[in-house]
C-alpha cells in the first residue's frame, strides 16, 4: 500500500541509510566521507597534473600546491562555517572550532582558503596568478563533485521536505522525503567540470587570464544560489530571512566572476 501524504514515508521514495563507516578492522575505522574526500583531492591533483604536463609546467611543484590547498581549504572552510553559520556557539566555545571531526565545513570559506593558498604558491613558481586560478578552477569543479557526494553519504546538507518523485528519505535524520540537494550540487559541479575541461581543451579562452575562473565562479555560485532555495537553512539566525546565508555569501563570488569573465574581452575590444 502507498501512503502519499506529505511528510510521511511513501513507498514511492528511495530510502537512504548507508553506514557512514566503510571499513572497521581492529578498532581502526575508515569512513565513506574520508574516502570520498580523498578521491576529491586525488582527482583534482590528477587534473592539475595533466594540465601541467600539457603546458610544460613544473609538475614537481604540484606537491607543494596540493599541501597548501588542502590546508587552505580545511582551515578556510572550518572558520567560515564557525563564523558565518553558527557564530554564537563557536565564539562561546572557541575550542570547538578545532573539532572538525564533529562536522561543519563551509564551501565558501574553502574557496577563499584555496585562493590564498594559490597566491602563496604563485609567489614561489612565478606564474601569473589569474593564469593559475583558471587552471585550478577546473580541478576545483571535480573536487566539489566528490565533496558533495561525501555530504550525501553522510546524510548532511539536507534538502527541504518534498514529494517530488525523486525525493529521498534520509532515514538517519528523519522519515521525510526530501530534495536530494547534495546530488543536485554534485551533478552541477560535475557538469561544470566537463564544460570547463572542454573549453580549456577546445577554445582559446585559456589565453584570456581570469576568464575561465570567472566562468567557474558564475556557474558554481549561480547554481549554488538556485539550489539553496530547496535546502534547509544551515544558519540558525537566518531562519526568518528571505535569502539563506549560503545565498548571501554566493553573491560576492558571483559578482567577481562576472567581472573576471567580462574584463579580458572588454580589454580586447578596447584595444
Protein backbone atom coordinates (compact mmCIF):
# COMPACT_ATOMS: atom_id res chain seq x y z
CA UNK A 1 0.00 0.00 0.00
CA UNK A 2 1.12 3.55 -0.75
CA UNK A 3 0.83 6.48 1.58
CA UNK A 4 1.42 9.64 -0.40
CA UNK A 5 0.57 12.09 2.39
CA UNK A 6 3.16 14.88 2.51
CA UNK A 7 5.64 14.35 5.33
CA UNK A 8 5.06 10.61 5.65
CA UNK A 9 7.11 7.78 4.28
CA UNK A 10 5.92 6.71 0.85
CA UNK A 11 6.93 3.51 -0.90
CA UNK A 12 7.49 5.70 -3.95
CA UNK A 13 10.59 7.26 -2.38
CA UNK A 14 14.10 5.89 -2.15
CA UNK A 15 15.28 5.36 1.43
CA UNK A 16 18.92 6.25 2.13
CA UNK A 17 20.58 4.86 5.25
CA UNK A 18 24.14 3.82 4.49
CA UNK A 19 26.53 3.09 7.36
CA UNK A 20 29.00 6.02 7.40
CA UNK A 21 31.79 3.58 8.29
CA UNK A 22 33.15 1.86 5.19
CA UNK A 23 35.74 -0.35 6.90
CA UNK A 24 36.32 -1.26 10.54
CA UNK A 25 39.25 -3.53 11.40
CA UNK A 26 40.72 -3.99 14.89
CA UNK A 27 39.35 -0.69 16.12
CA UNK A 28 40.51 1.21 13.04
CA UNK A 29 37.61 2.78 11.15
CA UNK A 30 37.57 4.32 7.69
CA UNK A 31 34.57 6.48 6.87
CA UNK A 32 32.98 6.87 3.45
CA UNK A 33 33.31 10.64 3.93
CA UNK A 34 37.08 10.28 4.26
CA UNK A 35 37.30 8.03 1.19
CA UNK A 36 35.31 10.45 -0.95
CA UNK A 37 37.27 13.44 0.36
CA UNK A 38 40.49 11.64 -0.55
CA UNK A 39 39.05 10.97 -4.03
CA UNK A 40 38.23 14.68 -4.31
CA UNK A 41 41.84 15.62 -3.59
CA UNK A 42 43.26 12.90 -5.86
CA UNK A 43 41.00 13.77 -8.79
CA UNK A 44 41.79 17.49 -8.53
CA UNK A 45 45.51 16.69 -8.34
CA UNK A 46 45.33 14.48 -11.45
CA UNK A 47 43.54 17.20 -13.43
CA UNK A 48 46.21 19.73 -12.49
CA UNK A 49 48.95 17.21 -13.33
CA UNK A 50 47.51 16.67 -16.83
CA UNK A 51 47.32 20.43 -17.36
CA UNK A 52 50.90 20.95 -16.15
CA UNK A 53 52.22 18.20 -18.42
CA UNK A 54 50.28 19.59 -21.39
CA UNK A 55 51.68 23.10 -20.83
CA UNK A 56 55.21 22.01 -19.84
CA UNK A 57 54.87 23.49 -16.35
CA UNK A 58 56.86 22.30 -13.30
CA UNK A 59 54.94 19.16 -12.29
CA UNK A 60 57.20 18.62 -9.27
CA UNK A 61 55.85 21.84 -7.73
CA UNK A 62 52.34 20.37 -7.58
CA UNK A 63 53.14 18.58 -4.33
CA UNK A 64 53.54 21.97 -2.66
CA UNK A 65 50.34 23.26 -4.27
CA UNK A 66 48.47 20.19 -3.02
CA UNK A 67 49.71 20.65 0.53
CA UNK A 68 48.92 24.38 0.58
CA UNK A 69 45.45 23.88 -0.91
CA UNK A 70 44.45 21.07 1.46
CA UNK A 71 45.44 23.20 4.47
CA UNK A 72 43.82 26.31 2.99
CA UNK A 73 40.56 24.53 2.13
CA UNK A 74 40.16 22.82 5.51
CA UNK A 75 41.11 25.87 7.60
CA UNK A 76 39.09 28.27 5.45
CA UNK A 77 36.04 26.00 5.30
CA UNK A 78 36.08 25.39 9.06
CA UNK A 79 36.48 29.05 10.02
CA UNK A 80 33.77 30.12 7.58
CA UNK A 81 31.35 27.54 8.99
CA UNK A 82 32.02 28.65 12.56
CA UNK A 83 31.86 32.39 11.87
CA UNK A 84 29.06 32.54 9.30
CA UNK A 85 26.73 29.67 10.18
CA UNK A 86 26.82 29.42 13.99
CA UNK A 87 28.95 32.29 15.37
CA UNK A 88 27.21 32.50 18.76
CA UNK A 89 28.02 28.87 19.61
CA UNK A 90 31.63 28.87 18.44
CA UNK A 91 32.51 32.27 19.93
CA UNK A 92 31.16 30.95 23.25
CA UNK A 93 33.04 27.65 22.79
CA UNK A 94 36.19 28.57 20.79
CA UNK A 95 37.87 25.22 21.47
CA UNK A 96 35.08 23.61 19.43
CA UNK A 97 36.41 25.38 16.34
CA UNK A 98 39.13 22.71 16.29
CA UNK A 99 36.60 19.83 16.44
CA UNK A 100 36.45 19.29 12.68
CA UNK A 101 35.51 15.62 13.22
CA UNK A 102 32.13 16.79 14.53
CA UNK A 103 31.32 18.18 11.07
CA UNK A 104 30.93 21.68 9.70
CA UNK A 105 32.85 22.87 6.62
CA UNK A 106 31.61 25.79 4.50
CA UNK A 107 32.49 25.70 0.80
CA UNK A 108 32.68 29.50 0.52
CA UNK A 109 35.45 29.59 3.10
CA UNK A 110 37.14 26.61 1.50
CA UNK A 111 37.22 28.51 -1.79
CA UNK A 112 38.81 31.55 -0.16
CA UNK A 113 41.32 29.30 1.59
CA UNK A 114 42.28 27.70 -1.72
CA UNK A 115 42.74 31.13 -3.35
CA UNK A 116 45.03 32.27 -0.53
CA UNK A 117 46.99 29.01 -0.79
CA UNK A 118 47.36 29.52 -4.54
CA UNK A 119 48.63 33.06 -4.00
CA UNK A 120 51.32 31.75 -1.65
CA UNK A 121 52.24 29.03 -4.19
CA UNK A 122 52.25 31.51 -7.08
CA UNK A 123 54.95 33.58 -5.39
CA UNK A 124 57.20 30.52 -5.46
CA UNK A 125 56.64 29.36 -9.04
CA UNK A 126 56.47 32.88 -10.55
CA UNK A 127 53.46 32.14 -12.76
CA UNK A 128 50.62 34.65 -13.30
CA UNK A 129 48.03 34.42 -10.53
CA UNK A 130 44.97 34.53 -12.81
CA UNK A 131 46.62 32.00 -15.14
CA UNK A 132 46.85 29.57 -12.23
CA UNK A 133 43.34 30.37 -11.00
CA UNK A 134 41.92 29.45 -14.41
CA UNK A 135 43.50 26.03 -14.24
CA UNK A 136 42.77 25.39 -10.58
CA UNK A 137 39.11 26.22 -11.23
CA UNK A 138 38.80 23.16 -13.48
CA UNK A 139 40.29 20.91 -10.79
CA UNK A 140 38.10 22.52 -8.11
CA UNK A 141 34.92 21.65 -10.01
CA UNK A 142 35.66 17.91 -9.93
CA UNK A 143 36.81 18.29 -6.30
CA UNK A 144 33.41 19.79 -5.46
CA UNK A 145 31.61 16.84 -7.06
CA UNK A 146 33.23 14.31 -4.72
CA UNK A 147 32.77 16.52 -1.64
CA UNK A 148 29.03 16.83 -2.27
CA UNK A 149 28.82 13.05 -2.78
CA UNK A 150 30.52 12.73 0.62
CA UNK A 151 27.82 15.00 2.07
CA UNK A 152 25.18 12.75 0.51
CA UNK A 153 26.72 9.64 2.05
CA UNK A 154 26.77 11.41 5.43
CA UNK A 155 23.11 12.49 5.12
CA UNK A 156 24.10 16.13 5.66
CA UNK A 157 23.33 19.46 3.93
CA UNK A 158 19.73 18.34 3.60
CA UNK A 159 17.10 19.49 1.16
CA UNK A 160 13.65 20.65 2.16
CA UNK A 161 10.84 18.09 2.53
CA UNK A 162 9.23 17.37 -0.84
CA UNK A 163 7.05 14.86 -2.65
CA UNK A 164 8.80 15.12 -6.00
CA UNK A 165 9.22 11.62 -7.50
CA UNK A 166 12.99 11.69 -6.95
CA UNK A 167 12.79 12.79 -3.29
CA UNK A 168 14.89 10.71 -0.89
CA UNK A 169 14.21 9.69 2.70
CA UNK A 170 17.38 10.19 4.77
CA UNK A 171 16.49 7.63 7.42
CA UNK A 172 19.34 8.59 9.73
CA UNK A 173 17.78 12.05 10.03
CA UNK A 174 14.00 11.53 9.83
CA UNK A 175 11.37 9.80 7.72
CA UNK A 176 10.52 12.77 5.50
CA UNK A 177 11.15 12.55 1.74
CA UNK A 178 13.43 15.44 0.83
CA UNK A 179 15.07 17.11 -2.14
CA UNK A 180 18.47 15.41 -2.58
CA UNK A 181 20.17 18.82 -2.58
CA UNK A 182 23.63 17.25 -2.28
CA UNK A 183 23.06 15.35 -5.53
CA UNK A 184 21.79 18.49 -7.26
CA UNK A 185 25.05 20.23 -6.38
CA UNK A 186 27.17 17.19 -7.24
CA UNK A 187 25.57 16.95 -10.70
CA UNK A 188 26.00 20.71 -11.20
CA UNK A 189 29.72 20.57 -10.29
CA UNK A 190 30.36 17.53 -12.49
CA UNK A 191 28.65 19.28 -15.41
CA UNK A 192 30.67 22.45 -14.78
CA UNK A 193 33.87 20.40 -14.73
CA UNK A 194 33.01 18.78 -18.08
CA UNK A 195 32.20 22.18 -19.61
CA UNK A 196 35.35 23.90 -18.31
CA UNK A 197 37.54 20.99 -19.39
CA UNK A 198 36.06 21.14 -22.90
CA UNK A 199 36.54 24.93 -23.04
CA UNK A 200 40.14 24.56 -21.88
CA UNK A 201 40.88 21.86 -24.45
CA UNK A 202 38.96 23.24 -27.43
CA UNK A 203 38.95 27.04 -27.20
CA UNK A 204 41.36 29.92 -26.70
CA UNK A 205 39.64 31.13 -23.51
CA UNK A 206 42.62 29.82 -21.51
CA UNK A 207 44.69 32.58 -23.12
CA UNK A 208 42.43 35.24 -21.56
CA UNK A 209 43.68 35.20 -17.99
CA UNK A 210 40.84 35.14 -15.46
CA UNK A 211 38.09 34.23 -17.94
CA UNK A 212 37.83 30.52 -17.09
CA UNK A 213 37.96 31.30 -13.37
CA UNK A 214 35.29 33.95 -13.87
CA UNK A 215 33.08 31.49 -15.72
CA UNK A 216 33.67 28.95 -12.95
CA UNK A 217 32.52 31.43 -10.30
CA UNK A 218 29.43 32.42 -12.30
CA UNK A 219 28.37 28.81 -12.94
CA UNK A 220 29.14 27.46 -9.47
CA UNK A 221 27.59 30.26 -7.46
CA UNK A 222 24.55 30.78 -9.66
CA UNK A 223 23.93 27.02 -9.28
CA UNK A 224 24.54 27.28 -5.56
CA UNK A 225 22.16 30.27 -5.26
CA UNK A 226 19.37 28.35 -7.01
CA UNK A 227 19.91 25.07 -5.15
CA UNK A 228 19.87 26.90 -1.81
CA UNK A 229 16.17 27.50 -2.46
CA UNK A 230 15.46 23.81 -1.79
CA UNK A 231 17.97 23.36 1.06
CA UNK A 232 17.39 23.53 4.78
CA UNK A 233 18.91 26.78 6.04
CA UNK A 234 22.13 25.97 7.85
CA UNK A 235 22.48 29.25 9.74
CA UNK A 236 20.05 29.32 12.66
CA UNK A 237 19.99 33.12 12.75
CA UNK A 238 18.85 33.24 9.08
CA UNK A 239 15.64 31.23 9.55
CA UNK A 240 13.44 34.27 9.06
CA UNK A 241 15.49 35.83 6.25
CA UNK A 242 14.28 35.87 2.65
CA UNK A 243 17.67 34.58 1.48
CA UNK A 244 19.80 31.97 3.21
CA UNK A 245 23.32 32.66 4.46
CA UNK A 246 24.61 30.47 1.62
CA UNK A 247 22.82 32.62 -0.97
CA UNK A 248 24.08 35.88 0.52
CA UNK A 249 27.64 34.54 0.64
CA UNK A 250 27.34 33.48 -3.01
CA UNK A 251 26.54 36.98 -4.30
CA UNK A 252 30.07 38.48 -3.93
CA UNK A 253 31.61 35.45 -5.69
CA UNK A 254 29.05 35.77 -8.47
CA UNK A 255 29.80 39.48 -8.96
CA UNK A 256 33.57 38.86 -9.03
CA UNK A 257 33.01 36.06 -11.55
CA UNK A 258 31.03 38.30 -13.90
CA UNK A 259 33.76 40.98 -13.74
CA UNK A 260 36.57 38.46 -14.40
CA UNK A 261 34.64 36.92 -17.28
CA UNK A 262 33.97 40.25 -18.97
CA UNK A 263 37.29 42.05 -18.39
CA UNK A 264 39.54 40.14 -20.85
CA UNK A 265 37.02 40.62 -23.67
CA UNK A 266 36.47 44.29 -22.76
CA UNK A 267 40.23 44.90 -22.89
CA UNK A 268 40.44 43.20 -26.31
CA UNK A 269 37.54 45.28 -27.66
CA UNK A 270 39.14 48.49 -26.36
CA UNK A 271 42.49 47.54 -27.90
